[in-house]
Amino acid sequence: MCTYNISINDTLMETIRPAFPDEAALEQWLQRQMDIIIIGFAAKQQMPTKSTKPLSQRLRGIAKAPEDFDYKKELSTRYDV
């Protein structure tokens, strides 16, 4: 496990210290908080970046119509009863 020295505002620490029974419990809580932060950051780093293409361009190629498909005819007869 890596070890880093960090500085935390004393006033802030004094506001939360009464919530913990002892210094060891506080240190365990701080460790868990740092783990959560680092796991979240690492997960965001692994996510694919948002495409700069507009939605219409990103959707192209998802479904491919047959070569002889006539969009105009499809739209004109879609609601015929």
C-alpha atoms as a PDB file:
ATOM      1  CA  MET A   1       0.000   0.000   0.000  1.00  0.00           C
ATOM      2  CA  CYS A   2       1.232   3.492  -0.822  1.00  0.00           C
ATOM      3  CA  THR A   3       1.646   6.092   1.878  1.00  0.00           C
ATOM      4  CA  TYR A   4       1.083   9.812   1.308  1.00  0.00           C
ATOM      5  CA  ASN A   5       1.198  12.719   3.712  1.00  0.00           C
ATOM      6  CA  ILE A   6      -1.792  15.030   3.417  1.00  0.00           C
ATOM      7  CA  SER A   7      -2.754  18.140   5.338  1.00  0.00           C
ATOM      8  CA  ILE A   8      -6.268  18.661   6.657  1.00  0.00           C
ATOM      9  CA  ASN A   9      -7.552  21.842   8.214  1.00  0.00           C
ATOM     10  CA  ASP A  10      -7.428  21.433  12.024  1.00  0.00           C
ATOM     11  CA  THR A  11     -10.697  23.290  12.513  1.00  0.00           C
ATOM     12  CA  LEU A  12     -12.494  20.922  10.148  1.00  0.00           C
ATOM     13  CA  MET A  13     -11.025  17.873  11.850  1.00  0.00           C
ATOM     14  CA  GLU A  14     -12.113  19.127  15.256  1.00  0.00           C
ATOM     15  CA  THR A  15     -15.696  19.399  14.010  1.00  0.00           C
ATOM     16  CA  ILE A  16     -15.829  15.682  13.110  1.00  0.00           C
ATOM     17  CA  ARG A  17     -13.559  14.217  15.789  1.00  0.00           C
ATOM     18  CA  PRO A  18     -16.389  13.859  18.390  1.00  0.00           C
ATOM     19  CA  ALA A  19     -18.213  11.482  15.998  1.00  0.00           C
ATOM     20  CA  PHE A  20     -15.487   8.846  16.451  1.00  0.00           C
ATOM     21  CA  PRO A  21     -14.715   6.840  19.576  1.00  0.00           C
ATOM     22  CA  ASP A  22     -10.945   7.078  19.122  1.00  0.00           C
ATOM     23  CA  GLU A  23      -8.171   8.176  16.764  1.00  0.00           C
ATOM     24  CA  ALA A  24      -7.954   4.708  15.149  1.00  0.00           C
ATOM     25  CA  ALA A  25     -11.634   4.843  14.151  1.00  0.00           C
ATOM     26  CA  LEU A  26     -11.104   8.293  12.651  1.00  0.00           C
ATOM     27  CA  GLU A  27      -8.101   7.078  10.672  1.00  0.00           C
ATOM     28  CA  GLN A  28     -10.066   4.072   9.355  1.00  0.00           C
ATOM     29  CA  TRP A  29     -12.884   6.372   8.276  1.00  0.00           C
ATOM     30  CA  LEU A  30     -10.449   8.719   6.512  1.00  0.00           C
ATOM     31  CA  GLN A  31      -8.859   5.743   4.730  1.00  0.00           C
ATOM     32  CA  ARG A  32     -12.265   4.535   3.498  1.00  0.00           C
ATOM     33  CA  GLN A  33     -13.140   8.042   2.283  1.00  0.00           C
ATOM     34  CA  MET A  34      -9.906   8.287   0.311  1.00  0.00           C
ATOM     35  CA  ASP A  35     -10.484   4.810  -1.172  1.00  0.00           C
ATOM     36  CA  ILE A  36     -13.966   5.855  -2.318  1.00  0.00           C
ATOM     37  CA  ILE A  37     -12.632   9.053  -3.897  1.00  0.00           C
ATOM     38  CA  ILE A  38      -9.800   7.258  -5.702  1.00  0.00           C
ATOM     39  CA  ILE A  39     -12.031   4.409  -6.940  1.00  0.00           C
ATOM     40  CA  GLY A  40     -14.513   6.949  -8.333  1.00  0.00           C
ATOM     41  CA  PHE A  41     -11.765   8.931 -10.020  1.00  0.00           C
ATOM     42  CA  ALA A  42     -10.246   5.784 -11.550  1.00  0.00           C
ATOM     43  CA  ALA A  43     -13.666   4.678 -12.839  1.00  0.00           C
ATOM     44  CA  LYS A  44     -14.190   8.046 -14.539  1.00  0.00           C
ATOM     45  CA  GLN A  45     -10.773   7.764 -16.173  1.00  0.00           C
ATOM     46  CA  GLN A  46     -11.758   4.431 -17.721  1.00  0.00           C
ATOM     47  CA  MET A  47     -15.057   5.716 -19.129  1.00  0.00           C
ATOM     48  CA  PRO A  48     -15.042   6.483 -22.852  1.00  0.00           C
ATOM     49  CA  THR A  49     -14.911  10.174 -23.616  1.00  0.00           C
ATOM     50  CA  LYS A  50     -18.057  11.853 -24.865  1.00  0.00           C
ATOM     51  CA  SER A  51     -18.245  11.992 -28.633  1.00  0.00           C
ATOM     52  CA  THR A  52     -18.089  15.409 -30.223  1.00  0.00           C
ATOM     53  CA  LYS A  53     -20.326  14.263 -33.084  1.00  0.00           C
ATOM     54  CA  PRO A  54     -24.005  15.261 -32.997  1.00  0.00           C
ATOM     55  CA  LEU A  55     -26.501  12.594 -31.967  1.00  0.00           C
ATOM     56  CA  SER A  56     -27.775  12.154 -35.538  1.00  0.00           C
ATOM     57  CA  GLN A  57     -24.281  11.256 -36.739  1.00  0.00           C
ATOM     58  CA  ARG A  58     -23.652   8.924 -33.789  1.00  0.00           C
ATOM     59  CA  LEU A  59     -26.881   7.055 -34.536  1.00  0.00           C
ATOM     60  CA  ARG A  60     -26.007   6.442 -38.174  1.00  0.00           C
ATOM     61  CA  GLY A  61     -24.905   2.903 -38.780  1.00  0.00           C
ATOM     62  CA  ILE A  62     -26.777   1.422 -35.813  1.00  0.00           C
ATOM     63  CA  ALA A  63     -29.444   0.019 -38.124  1.00  0.00           C
ATOM     64  CA  LYS A  64     -29.007  -0.457 -41.832  1.00  0.00           C
ATOM     65  CA  ALA A  65     -32.016  -0.509 -44.152  1.00  0.00           C
ATOM     66  CA  PRO A  66     -32.042  -2.809 -47.181  1.00  0.00           C
ATOM     67  CA  GLU A  67     -30.521  -1.304 -50.336  1.00  0.00           C
ATOM     68  CA  ASP A  68     -33.918  -1.041 -52.093  1.00  0.00           C
ATOM     69  CA  PHE A  69     -35.703   0.521 -49.107  1.00  0.00           C
ATOM     70  CA  ASP A  70     -37.665   3.644 -50.123  1.00  0.00           C
ATOM     71  CA  TYR A  71     -37.939   6.037 -47.195  1.00  0.00           C
ATOM     72  CA  LYS A  72     -40.387   8.369 -48.961  1.00  0.00           C
ATOM     73  CA  LYS A  73     -42.713   5.499 -49.810  1.00  0.00           C
ATOM     74  CA  GLU A  74     -42.468   4.153 -46.278  1.00  0.00           C
ATOM     75  CA  LEU A  75     -43.418   7.511 -44.814  1.00  0.00           C
ATOM     76  CA  SER A  76     -46.262   8.137 -47.271  1.00  0.00           C
ATOM     77  CA  THR A  77     -47.876   4.748 -46.595  1.00  0.00           C
ATOM     78  CA  ARG A  78     -47.098   4.445 -42.905  1.00  0.00           C
ATOM     79  CA  TYR A  79     -50.531   5.562 -41.708  1.00  0.00           C
ATOM     80  CA  ASP A  80     -52.654   4.225 -44.585  1.00  0.00           C
ATOM     81  CA  VAL A  81     -55.536   2.117 -43.339  1.00  0.00           C
END
